[in-house]
Amino acid sequence: MDLQTRKLEFIKEFLKIQSEEVLSRLEKALKKEHLEEQFDFLPFTEEEFNFRIDKSLEDSKNLKLTEAHTLLEQIKKWN
């Protein structure tokens, strides 16, 4: 069965759900899966990690920083 057919079959079954609890569990699973996909990345190598530390220290010395409250305000505008 191809992906499109599987999706349609899933939707048919989903529409039959009468239980609020089952719906909540499916919503949580979908949100969790979406978050995992969004933040799915590989760990840094030791070289990459050290490079990022050095770069961060250099940026700090050169005042190339964004304060937390400024960043939070920018994030609020993303939506």
PDB file of N, CA and C in Angstrom:
ATOM      1  N   MET A   1       0.852  -1.175   0.000  1.00  0.00           N
ATOM      2  CA  MET A   1       0.000   0.000   0.000  1.00  0.00           C
ATOM      3  C   MET A   1       0.900   1.240   0.000  1.00  0.00           C
ATOM      4  N   ASP A   2       0.631   2.176  -0.888  1.00  0.00           N
ATOM      5  CA  ASP A   2       1.459   3.379  -0.972  1.00  0.00           C
ATOM      6  C   ASP A   2       1.085   4.372   0.137  1.00  0.00           C
ATOM      7  N   LEU A   3       1.916   5.379   0.304  1.00  0.00           N
ATOM      8  CA  LEU A   3       1.745   6.343   1.388  1.00  0.00           C
ATOM      9  C   LEU A   3       0.419   7.081   1.296  1.00  0.00           C
ATOM     10  N   GLN A   4       0.040   7.521   0.106  1.00  0.00           N
ATOM     11  CA  GLN A   4      -1.207   8.265  -0.063  1.00  0.00           C
ATOM     12  C   GLN A   4      -2.412   7.416   0.347  1.00  0.00           C
ATOM     13  N   THR A   5      -2.419   6.172  -0.040  1.00  0.00           N
ATOM     14  CA  THR A   5      -3.514   5.270   0.316  1.00  0.00           C
ATOM     15  C   THR A   5      -3.557   5.050   1.821  1.00  0.00           C
ATOM     16  N   ARG A   6      -2.394   4.881   2.422  1.00  0.00           N
ATOM     17  CA  ARG A   6      -2.326   4.697   3.877  1.00  0.00           C
ATOM     18  C   ARG A   6      -2.873   5.914   4.612  1.00  0.00           C
ATOM     19  N   LYS A   7      -2.535   7.117   4.115  1.00  0.00           N
ATOM     20  CA  LYS A   7      -3.046   8.342   4.732  1.00  0.00           C
ATOM     21  C   LYS A   7      -4.568   8.394   4.658  1.00  0.00           C
ATOM     22  N   LEU A   8      -5.104   8.067   3.499  1.00  0.00           N
ATOM     23  CA  LEU A   8      -6.558   8.092   3.335  1.00  0.00           C
ATOM     24  C   LEU A   8      -7.243   7.080   4.245  1.00  0.00           C
ATOM     25  N   GLU A   9      -6.663   5.904   4.359  1.00  0.00           N
ATOM     26  CA  GLU A   9      -7.210   4.883   5.261  1.00  0.00           C
ATOM     27  C   GLU A   9      -7.163   5.362   6.716  1.00  0.00           C
ATOM     28  N   PHE A  10      -6.061   5.998   7.069  1.00  0.00           N
ATOM     29  CA  PHE A  10      -5.927   6.525   8.423  1.00  0.00           C
ATOM     30  C   PHE A  10      -6.991   7.586   8.693  1.00  0.00           C
ATOM     31  N   ILE A  11      -7.203   8.471   7.733  1.00  0.00           N
ATOM     32  CA  ILE A  11      -8.207   9.533   7.889  1.00  0.00           C
ATOM     33  C   ILE A  11      -9.599   8.932   8.082  1.00  0.00           C
ATOM     34  N   LYS A  12      -9.912   7.907   7.303  1.00  0.00           N
ATOM     35  CA  LYS A  12     -11.219   7.240   7.447  1.00  0.00           C
ATOM     36  C   LYS A  12     -11.395   6.707   8.863  1.00  0.00           C
ATOM     37  N   GLU A  13     -10.365   6.031   9.357  1.00  0.00           N
ATOM     38  CA  GLU A  13     -10.440   5.488  10.722  1.00  0.00           C
ATOM     39  C   GLU A  13     -10.479   6.599  11.764  1.00  0.00           C
ATOM     40  N   PHE A  14      -9.705   7.645  11.527  1.00  0.00           N
ATOM     41  CA  PHE A  14      -9.656   8.783  12.444  1.00  0.00           C
ATOM     42  C   PHE A  14     -11.041   9.410  12.595  1.00  0.00           C
ATOM     43  N   LEU A  15     -11.746   9.554  11.489  1.00  0.00           N
ATOM     44  CA  LEU A  15     -13.067  10.182  11.518  1.00  0.00           C
ATOM     45  C   LEU A  15     -14.100   9.340  12.271  1.00  0.00           C
ATOM     46  N   LYS A  16     -13.819   8.082  12.472  1.00  0.00           N
ATOM     47  CA  LYS A  16     -14.731   7.198  13.207  1.00  0.00           C
ATOM     48  C   LYS A  16     -14.539   7.306  14.726  1.00  0.00           C
ATOM     49  N   ILE A  17     -13.474   7.937  15.170  1.00  0.00           N
ATOM     50  CA  ILE A  17     -13.161   8.007  16.602  1.00  0.00           C
ATOM     51  C   ILE A  17     -14.251   8.779  17.337  1.00  0.00           C
ATOM     52  N   GLN A  18     -14.741   8.190  18.408  1.00  0.00           N
ATOM     53  CA  GLN A  18     -15.766   8.815  19.240  1.00  0.00           C
ATOM     54  C   GLN A  18     -15.235   9.168  20.632  1.00  0.00           C
ATOM     55  N   SER A  19     -14.077   8.647  20.973  1.00  0.00           N
ATOM     56  CA  SER A  19     -13.513   8.827  22.307  1.00  0.00           C
ATOM     57  C   SER A  19     -12.615  10.062  22.354  1.00  0.00           C
ATOM     58  N   GLU A  20     -12.927  10.954  23.276  1.00  0.00           N
ATOM     59  CA  GLU A  20     -12.114  12.153  23.472  1.00  0.00           C
ATOM     60  C   GLU A  20     -10.706  11.769  23.939  1.00  0.00           C
ATOM     61  N   GLU A  21     -10.623  10.722  24.752  1.00  0.00           N
ATOM     62  CA  GLU A  21      -9.324  10.267  25.264  1.00  0.00           C
ATOM     63  C   GLU A  21      -8.427   9.752  24.141  1.00  0.00           C
ATOM     64  N   VAL A  22      -8.988   8.963  23.241  1.00  0.00           N
ATOM     65  CA  VAL A  22      -8.216   8.432  22.113  1.00  0.00           C
ATOM     66  C   VAL A  22      -7.756   9.585  21.218  1.00  0.00           C
ATOM     67  N   LEU A  23      -8.648  10.539  20.981  1.00  0.00           N
ATOM     68  CA  LEU A  23      -8.297  11.698  20.158  1.00  0.00           C
ATOM     69  C   LEU A  23      -7.157  12.486  20.799  1.00  0.00           C
ATOM     70  N   SER A  24      -7.215  12.683  22.112  1.00  0.00           N
ATOM     71  CA  SER A  24      -6.153  13.403  22.821  1.00  0.00           C
ATOM     72  C   SER A  24      -4.816  12.677  22.704  1.00  0.00           C
ATOM     73  N   ARG A  25      -4.837  11.356  22.836  1.00  0.00           N
ATOM     74  CA  ARG A  25      -3.596  10.587  22.719  1.00  0.00           C
ATOM     75  C   ARG A  25      -3.005  10.698  21.318  1.00  0.00           C
ATOM     76  N   LEU A  26      -3.859  10.656  20.307  1.00  0.00           N
ATOM     77  CA  LEU A  26      -3.373  10.797  18.937  1.00  0.00           C
ATOM     78  C   LEU A  26      -2.810  12.192  18.695  1.00  0.00           C
ATOM     79  N   GLU A  27      -3.468  13.212  19.229  1.00  0.00           N
ATOM     80  CA  GLU A  27      -2.964  14.581  19.091  1.00  0.00           C
ATOM     81  C   GLU A  27      -1.593  14.724  19.740  1.00  0.00           C
ATOM     82  N   LYS A  28      -1.441  14.173  20.942  1.00  0.00           N
ATOM     83  CA  LYS A  28      -0.158  14.239  21.641  1.00  0.00           C
ATOM     84  C   LYS A  28       0.934  13.518  20.853  1.00  0.00           C
ATOM     85  N   ALA A  29       0.601  12.360  20.315  1.00  0.00           N
ATOM     86  CA  ALA A  29       1.579  11.592  19.536  1.00  0.00           C
ATOM     87  C   ALA A  29       1.999  12.368  18.287  1.00  0.00           C
ATOM     88  N   LEU A  30       1.031  13.006  17.638  1.00  0.00           N
ATOM     89  CA  LEU A  30       1.330  13.780  16.433  1.00  0.00           C
ATOM     90  C   LEU A  30       2.198  14.985  16.758  1.00  0.00           C
ATOM     91  N   LYS A  31       1.877  15.689  17.852  1.00  0.00           N
ATOM     92  CA  LYS A  31       2.686  16.845  18.264  1.00  0.00           C
ATOM     93  C   LYS A  31       4.102  16.413  18.623  1.00  0.00           C
ATOM     94  N   LYS A  32       4.210  15.301  19.350  1.00  0.00           N
ATOM     95  CA  LYS A  32       5.528  14.798  19.742  1.00  0.00           C
ATOM     96  C   LYS A  32       6.347  14.444  18.505  1.00  0.00           C
ATOM     97  N   GLU A  33       5.726  13.781  17.551  1.00  0.00           N
ATOM     98  CA  GLU A  33       6.414  13.391  16.319  1.00  0.00           C
ATOM     99  C   GLU A  33       6.865  14.625  15.549  1.00  0.00           C
ATOM    100  N   HIS A  34       6.001  15.623  15.493  1.00  0.00           N
ATOM    101  CA  HIS A  34       6.334  16.864  14.778  1.00  0.00           C
ATOM    102  C   HIS A  34       7.525  17.555  15.439  1.00  0.00           C
ATOM    103  N   LEU A  35       7.529  17.615  16.761  1.00  0.00           N
ATOM    104  CA  LEU A  35       8.648  18.240  17.474  1.00  0.00           C
ATOM    105  C   LEU A  35       9.948  17.481  17.251  1.00  0.00           C
ATOM    106  N   GLU A  36       9.865  16.159  17.273  1.00  0.00           N
ATOM    107  CA  GLU A  36      11.069  15.351  17.062  1.00  0.00           C
ATOM    108  C   GLU A  36      11.618  15.558  15.663  1.00  0.00           C
ATOM    109  N   GLU A  37      10.741  15.672  14.660  1.00  0.00           N
ATOM    110  CA  GLU A  37      11.198  15.926  13.300  1.00  0.00           C
ATOM    111  C   GLU A  37      11.826  17.303  13.190  1.00  0.00           C
ATOM    112  N   GLN A  38      11.208  18.255  13.877  1.00  0.00           N
ATOM    113  CA  GLN A  38      11.679  19.637  13.819  1.00  0.00           C
ATOM    114  C   GLN A  38      13.071  19.780  14.412  1.00  0.00           C
ATOM    115  N   PHE A  39      13.357  19.016  15.453  1.00  0.00           N
ATOM    116  CA  PHE A  39      14.636  19.139  16.147  1.00  0.00           C
ATOM    117  C   PHE A  39      15.518  17.917  15.955  1.00  0.00           C
ATOM    118  N   ASP A  40      15.306  17.246  14.840  1.00  0.00           N
ATOM    119  CA  ASP A  40      16.087  16.049  14.554  1.00  0.00           C
ATOM    120  C   ASP A  40      17.431  16.468  13.956  1.00  0.00           C
ATOM    121  N   PHE A  41      18.482  16.392  14.757  1.00  0.00           N
ATOM    122  CA  PHE A  41      19.807  16.749  14.273  1.00  0.00           C
ATOM    123  C   PHE A  41      20.838  15.844  14.914  1.00  0.00           C
ATOM    124  N   LEU A  42      21.964  15.794  14.283  1.00  0.00           N
ATOM    125  CA  LEU A  42      23.040  14.942  14.775  1.00  0.00           C
ATOM    126  C   LEU A  42      23.890  15.707  15.785  1.00  0.00           C
ATOM    127  N   PRO A  43      24.468  15.022  16.741  1.00  0.00           N
ATOM    128  CA  PRO A  43      25.347  15.704  17.694  1.00  0.00           C
ATOM    129  C   PRO A  43      26.595  16.233  16.985  1.00  0.00           C
ATOM    130  N   PHE A  44      27.170  17.275  17.555  1.00  0.00           N
ATOM    131  CA  PHE A  44      28.387  17.858  16.997  1.00  0.00           C
ATOM    132  C   PHE A  44      29.570  16.919  17.195  1.00  0.00           C
ATOM    133  N   THR A  45      30.502  17.016  16.285  1.00  0.00           N
ATOM    134  CA  THR A  45      31.782  16.369  16.528  1.00  0.00           C
ATOM    135  C   THR A  45      32.511  17.234  17.561  1.00  0.00           C
ATOM    136  N   GLU A  46      33.571  16.723  18.124  1.00  0.00           N
ATOM    137  CA  GLU A  46      34.334  17.503  19.105  1.00  0.00           C
ATOM    138  C   GLU A  46      34.882  18.780  18.453  1.00  0.00           C
ATOM    139  N   GLU A  47      35.325  18.659  17.200  1.00  0.00           N
ATOM    140  CA  GLU A  47      35.841  19.829  16.477  1.00  0.00           C
ATOM    141  C   GLU A  47      34.770  20.896  16.301  1.00  0.00           C
ATOM    142  N   GLU A  48      33.577  20.467  15.871  1.00  0.00           N
ATOM    143  CA  GLU A  48      32.473  21.415  15.671  1.00  0.00           C
ATOM    144  C   GLU A  48      32.094  22.087  16.990  1.00  0.00           C
ATOM    145  N   PHE A  49      32.044  21.283  18.039  1.00  0.00           N
ATOM    146  CA  PHE A  49      31.685  21.799  19.355  1.00  0.00           C
ATOM    147  C   PHE A  49      32.681  22.868  19.810  1.00  0.00           C
ATOM    148  N   ASN A  50      33.970  22.562  19.700  1.00  0.00           N
ATOM    149  CA  ASN A  50      35.012  23.519  20.104  1.00  0.00           C
ATOM    150  C   ASN A  50      34.982  24.774  19.233  1.00  0.00           C
ATOM    151  N   PHE A  51      34.732  24.608  17.931  1.00  0.00           N
ATOM    152  CA  PHE A  51      34.630  25.755  17.040  1.00  0.00           C
ATOM    153  C   PHE A  51      33.485  26.673  17.475  1.00  0.00           C
ATOM    154  N   ARG A  52      32.345  26.085  17.808  1.00  0.00           N
ATOM    155  CA  ARG A  52      31.189  26.892  18.225  1.00  0.00           C
ATOM    156  C   ARG A  52      31.451  27.607  19.549  1.00  0.00           C
ATOM    157  N   ILE A  53      32.148  26.953  20.442  1.00  0.00           N
ATOM    158  CA  ILE A  53      32.511  27.610  21.704  1.00  0.00           C
ATOM    159  C   ILE A  53      33.414  28.804  21.420  1.00  0.00           C
ATOM    160  N   ASP A  54      34.439  28.592  20.607  1.00  0.00           N
ATOM    161  CA  ASP A  54      35.366  29.678  20.264  1.00  0.00           C
ATOM    162  C   ASP A  54      34.631  30.824  19.580  1.00  0.00           C
ATOM    163  N   LYS A  55      33.746  30.490  18.656  1.00  0.00           N
ATOM    164  CA  LYS A  55      32.977  31.511  17.937  1.00  0.00           C
ATOM    165  C   LYS A  55      32.084  32.290  18.907  1.00  0.00           C
ATOM    166  N   SER A  56      31.460  31.608  19.832  1.00  0.00           N
ATOM    167  CA  SER A  56      30.596  32.263  20.815  1.00  0.00           C
ATOM    168  C   SER A  56      31.396  33.203  21.711  1.00  0.00           C
ATOM    169  N   LEU A  57      32.565  32.756  22.143  1.00  0.00           N
ATOM    170  CA  LEU A  57      33.412  33.614  22.974  1.00  0.00           C
ATOM    171  C   LEU A  57      33.863  34.855  22.197  1.00  0.00           C
ATOM    172  N   GLU A  58      34.212  34.657  20.929  1.00  0.00           N
ATOM    173  CA  GLU A  58      34.619  35.775  20.071  1.00  0.00           C
ATOM    174  C   GLU A  58      33.455  36.760  19.884  1.00  0.00           C
ATOM    175  N   ASP A  59      32.267  36.239  19.623  1.00  0.00           N
ATOM    176  CA  ASP A  59      31.084  37.099  19.466  1.00  0.00           C
ATOM    177  C   ASP A  59      30.806  37.883  20.750  1.00  0.00           C
ATOM    178  N   SER A  60      30.982  37.223  21.874  1.00  0.00           N
ATOM    179  CA  SER A  60      30.764  37.895  23.154  1.00  0.00           C
ATOM    180  C   SER A  60      31.752  39.043  23.346  1.00  0.00           C
ATOM    181  N   LYS A  61      33.019  38.804  23.055  1.00  0.00           N
ATOM    182  CA  LYS A  61      34.039  39.853  23.179  1.00  0.00           C
ATOM    183  C   LYS A  61      33.745  41.025  22.254  1.00  0.00           C
ATOM    184  N   ASN A  62      33.171  40.727  21.055  1.00  0.00           N
ATOM    185  CA  ASN A  62      32.876  41.762  20.066  1.00  0.00           C
ATOM    186  C   ASN A  62      31.456  42.328  20.209  1.00  0.00           C
ATOM    187  N   LEU A  63      30.806  41.978  21.325  1.00  0.00           N
ATOM    188  CA  LEU A  63      29.449  42.459  21.632  1.00  0.00           C
ATOM    189  C   LEU A  63      28.429  42.102  20.548  1.00  0.00           C
ATOM    190  N   LYS A  64      28.642  40.978  19.902  1.00  0.00           N
ATOM    191  CA  LYS A  64      27.686  40.482  18.904  1.00  0.00           C
ATOM    192  C   LYS A  64      26.711  39.537  19.614  1.00  0.00           C
ATOM    193  N   LEU A  65      25.864  40.117  20.445  1.00  0.00           N
ATOM    194  CA  LEU A  65      24.951  39.338  21.267  1.00  0.00           C
ATOM    195  C   LEU A  65      23.518  39.811  21.072  1.00  0.00           C
ATOM    196  N   THR A  66      22.583  38.938  21.358  1.00  0.00           N
ATOM    197  CA  THR A  66      21.171  39.296  21.414  1.00  0.00           C
ATOM    198  C   THR A  66      20.692  38.939  22.814  1.00  0.00           C
ATOM    199  N   GLU A  67      20.150  39.928  23.504  1.00  0.00           N
ATOM    200  CA  GLU A  67      19.678  39.661  24.862  1.00  0.00           C
ATOM    201  C   GLU A  67      18.430  38.794  24.810  1.00  0.00           C
ATOM    202  N   ALA A  68      18.217  38.026  25.860  1.00  0.00           N
ATOM    203  CA  ALA A  68      17.123  37.056  25.899  1.00  0.00           C
ATOM    204  C   ALA A  68      15.770  37.721  25.666  1.00  0.00           C
ATOM    205  N   HIS A  69      15.521  38.864  26.312  1.00  0.00           N
ATOM    206  CA  HIS A  69      14.208  39.499  26.155  1.00  0.00           C
ATOM    207  C   HIS A  69      14.007  39.986  24.715  1.00  0.00           C
ATOM    208  N   THR A  70      15.064  40.415  24.056  1.00  0.00           N
ATOM    209  CA  THR A  70      14.967  40.846  22.661  1.00  0.00           C
ATOM    210  C   THR A  70      14.663  39.647  21.767  1.00  0.00           C
ATOM    211  N   LEU A  71      15.338  38.550  22.023  1.00  0.00           N
ATOM    212  CA  LEU A  71      15.110  37.335  21.247  1.00  0.00           C
ATOM    213  C   LEU A  71      13.676  36.844  21.427  1.00  0.00           C
ATOM    214  N   LEU A  72      13.172  36.870  22.653  1.00  0.00           N
ATOM    215  CA  LEU A  72      11.795  36.426  22.906  1.00  0.00           C
ATOM    216  C   LEU A  72      10.793  37.298  22.158  1.00  0.00           C
ATOM    217  N   GLU A  73      11.025  38.597  22.107  1.00  0.00           N
ATOM    218  CA  GLU A  73      10.153  39.501  21.369  1.00  0.00           C
ATOM    219  C   GLU A  73      10.174  39.178  19.865  1.00  0.00           C
ATOM    220  N   GLN A  74      11.357  38.873  19.356  1.00  0.00           N
ATOM    221  CA  GLN A  74      11.480  38.514  17.937  1.00  0.00           C
ATOM    222  C   GLN A  74      10.731  37.214  17.651  1.00  0.00           C
ATOM    223  N   ILE A  75      10.855  36.251  18.543  1.00  0.00           N
ATOM    224  CA  ILE A  75      10.174  34.947  18.364  1.00  0.00           C
ATOM    225  C   ILE A  75       8.668  35.135  18.357  1.00  0.00           C
ATOM    226  N   LYS A  76       8.150  35.986  19.198  1.00  0.00           N
ATOM    227  CA  LYS A  76       6.691  36.235  19.238  1.00  0.00           C
ATOM    228  C   LYS A  76       6.178  36.740  17.898  1.00  0.00           C
ATOM    229  N   LYS A  77       7.003  37.434  17.151  1.00  0.00           N
ATOM    230  CA  LYS A  77       6.592  37.989  15.858  1.00  0.00           C
ATOM    231  C   LYS A  77       6.645  36.975  14.721  1.00  0.00           C
ATOM    232  N   TRP A  78       7.215  35.789  14.953  1.00  0.00           N
ATOM    233  CA  TRP A  78       7.343  34.779  13.917  1.00  0.00           C
ATOM    234  C   TRP A  78       5.980  34.285  13.440  1.00  0.00           C
ATOM    235  N   ASN A  79       5.029  34.224  14.332  1.00  0.00           N
ATOM    236  CA  ASN A  79       3.689  33.711  13.959  1.00  0.00           C
ATOM    237  C   ASN A  79       2.939  34.808  13.349  1.00  0.00           C
TER     238      ASN A  79
END
